[in-house]
Amino acid sequence: MVAIFPVAAAETLLHQASAIWNTLSETDWCEAFSHHPKIGGDVVALRQKFASTSAWAEGEQASVKQASQAKLEALAAGNTEYEQKFGYIFIVCATGKTAEEMLALLQARLPNRPVDEIKIAMGEQDKITRIRLEKLLAA
């Protein structure tokens, strides 16, 4: 990314970020995933581990705070199962989604083959990156 600066237009930055992301390796994608809080994770732990982006992550996951205890427990169990199967946390662009929607997506993706799921997860990360870059540019 550093090599493309200075960037003349926001859309150029967004396009280049996506293009570069899509050329990275699975190891690189998993490294990026490791810097995300788990959906429905503990807010205190989220603040400590991800202090620089915690406000954004909390906003993106705001609907999870409104979820019932049963939904939160189902998300936690699903996250554990997902991480055991795929080796990385469940990545979803949570912006605008309810806890119920995220749980349904998690459950729908659990049966995926690892080779397919990594591509879905990296696509979700690409969406998250775009949203965060747009927020950064607007700040």
Protein backbone atom coordinates (compact mmCIF):
# COMPACT_ATOMS: atom_id res chain seq x y z
CA MET A 1 0.00 0.00 0.00
CA VAL A 2 2.83 2.39 0.82
CA ALA A 3 4.06 2.16 -2.77
CA ILE A 4 0.84 3.65 -4.18
CA PHE A 5 1.04 6.89 -2.17
CA PRO A 6 0.32 9.64 -2.72
CA VAL A 7 -3.12 8.68 -4.00
CA ALA A 8 -5.04 11.25 -6.01
CA ALA A 9 -8.56 10.03 -5.23
CA ALA A 10 -10.33 8.08 -2.52
CA GLU A 11 -11.74 5.62 -5.06
CA THR A 12 -8.21 4.87 -6.26
CA LEU A 13 -7.17 4.06 -2.70
CA LEU A 14 -10.19 1.81 -2.17
CA HIS A 15 -9.63 0.02 -5.48
CA GLN A 16 -5.92 -0.50 -4.82
CA ALA A 17 -6.52 -1.77 -1.28
CA SER A 18 -8.92 -4.39 -2.63
CA ALA A 19 -6.64 -5.33 -5.53
CA ILE A 20 -3.67 -5.79 -3.21
CA TRP A 21 -5.74 -7.75 -0.67
CA ASN A 22 -6.85 -10.15 -3.38
CA THR A 23 -3.24 -10.91 -4.38
CA LEU A 24 -2.12 -11.88 -0.85
CA SER A 25 -1.66 -15.43 0.37
CA GLU A 26 -3.88 -17.46 2.66
CA THR A 27 -1.25 -16.97 5.39
CA ASP A 28 -1.60 -13.19 4.98
CA TRP A 29 -5.39 -13.39 5.15
CA CYS A 30 -5.25 -15.48 8.33
CA GLU A 31 -2.85 -12.96 9.85
CA ALA A 32 -5.38 -10.19 9.17
CA PHE A 33 -8.20 -12.31 10.61
CA SER A 34 -6.22 -12.76 13.83
CA HIS A 35 -6.52 -9.03 14.51
CA HIS A 36 -10.32 -9.11 14.69
CA PRO A 37 -12.43 -9.58 17.78
CA LYS A 38 -14.83 -12.50 17.73
CA ILE A 39 -18.40 -11.60 16.86
CA GLY A 40 -20.22 -11.32 20.17
CA GLY A 41 -16.95 -11.40 22.07
CA ASP A 42 -16.32 -9.82 25.44
CA VAL A 43 -16.36 -6.02 25.11
CA VAL A 44 -13.67 -5.52 27.78
CA ALA A 45 -11.32 -7.95 26.01
CA LEU A 46 -12.17 -6.27 22.71
CA ARG A 47 -11.14 -2.86 24.10
CA GLN A 48 -7.85 -4.18 25.48
CA LYS A 49 -6.74 -6.21 22.47
CA PHE A 50 -7.99 -3.88 19.76
CA ALA A 51 -7.70 -0.44 21.34
CA SER A 52 -6.95 1.36 18.07
CA THR A 53 -10.00 0.00 16.25
CA SER A 54 -12.28 -0.97 19.13
CA ALA A 55 -14.73 1.89 18.58
CA TRP A 56 -15.21 0.82 14.97
CA ALA A 57 -15.47 -2.87 15.83
CA GLU A 58 -17.96 -2.17 18.62
CA GLY A 59 -20.06 -0.07 16.25
CA GLU A 60 -19.92 -2.76 13.60
CA GLN A 61 -21.07 -5.34 16.15
CA ALA A 62 -23.53 -3.08 17.98
CA SER A 63 -26.54 -5.31 17.28
CA VAL A 64 -24.87 -8.18 19.11
CA LYS A 65 -25.12 -6.20 22.37
CA GLN A 66 -28.92 -6.22 21.93
CA ALA A 67 -29.10 -10.00 21.43
CA SER A 68 -30.66 -12.43 23.86
CA GLN A 69 -28.48 -14.60 26.08
CA ALA A 70 -29.47 -17.64 24.00
CA LYS A 71 -28.31 -15.96 20.77
CA LEU A 72 -25.03 -14.89 22.37
CA GLU A 73 -24.42 -18.42 23.61
CA ALA A 74 -25.22 -19.81 20.15
CA LEU A 75 -22.79 -17.30 18.58
CA ALA A 76 -20.09 -18.25 21.07
CA ALA A 77 -20.59 -21.98 20.42
CA GLY A 78 -20.65 -21.42 16.67
CA ASN A 79 -17.49 -19.30 16.83
CA THR A 80 -15.71 -22.09 18.71
CA GLU A 81 -16.85 -24.73 16.23
CA TYR A 82 -15.88 -22.51 13.29
CA GLU A 83 -12.42 -21.75 14.68
CA GLN A 84 -11.77 -25.44 15.38
CA LYS A 85 -12.81 -26.40 11.85
CA PHE A 86 -11.12 -23.63 9.87
CA GLY A 87 -8.27 -22.48 12.13
CA TYR A 88 -9.31 -18.82 12.27
CA ILE A 89 -12.21 -16.85 13.73
CA PHE A 90 -15.49 -16.34 11.90
CA ILE A 91 -15.09 -13.27 9.72
CA VAL A 92 -18.22 -11.45 8.61
CA CYS A 93 -18.88 -7.86 7.66
CA ALA A 94 -21.16 -7.21 10.63
CA THR A 95 -22.15 -3.66 9.70
CA GLY A 96 -25.93 -3.45 9.46
CA LYS A 97 -26.51 -7.07 10.47
CA THR A 98 -28.44 -8.24 13.50
CA ALA A 99 -27.12 -10.93 15.82
CA GLU A 100 -29.70 -13.28 14.33
CA GLU A 101 -28.44 -12.59 10.81
CA MET A 102 -24.82 -13.14 11.85
CA LEU A 103 -25.74 -16.39 13.60
CA ALA A 104 -27.58 -17.57 10.49
CA LEU A 105 -24.55 -16.72 8.33
CA LEU A 106 -22.24 -18.52 10.74
CA GLN A 107 -24.42 -21.62 10.71
CA ALA A 108 -24.74 -21.51 6.92
CA ARG A 109 -20.97 -21.29 6.46
CA LEU A 110 -19.97 -24.01 8.93
CA PRO A 111 -20.56 -26.86 6.42
CA ASN A 112 -18.27 -25.21 3.83
CA ARG A 113 -15.06 -26.84 2.71
CA PRO A 114 -11.96 -24.99 3.99
CA VAL A 115 -10.88 -24.16 0.43
CA ASP A 116 -14.23 -22.43 -0.17
CA GLU A 117 -14.57 -20.81 3.24
CA ILE A 118 -11.22 -19.02 3.12
CA LYS A 119 -12.37 -17.24 -0.04
CA ILE A 120 -15.65 -16.21 1.59
CA ALA A 121 -13.82 -14.99 4.71
CA MET A 122 -11.31 -12.98 2.66
CA GLY A 123 -14.21 -11.41 0.75
CA GLU A 124 -15.81 -10.39 4.04
CA GLN A 125 -12.49 -8.92 5.21
CA ASP A 126 -12.28 -6.96 1.96
CA LYS A 127 -15.70 -5.42 2.75
CA ILE A 128 -14.61 -4.60 6.31
CA THR A 129 -11.42 -2.94 5.05
CA ARG A 130 -13.36 -0.80 2.58
CA ILE A 131 -15.77 0.38 5.30
CA ARG A 132 -12.90 1.19 7.65
CA LEU A 133 -10.94 3.04 4.96
CA GLU A 134 -14.06 5.07 4.15
CA LYS A 135 -14.42 5.94 7.86
CA LEU A 136 -10.75 6.89 8.02
CA LEU A 137 -11.08 9.12 4.97
CA ALA A 138 -14.20 10.78 6.41
CA ALA A 139 -12.49 11.53 9.72
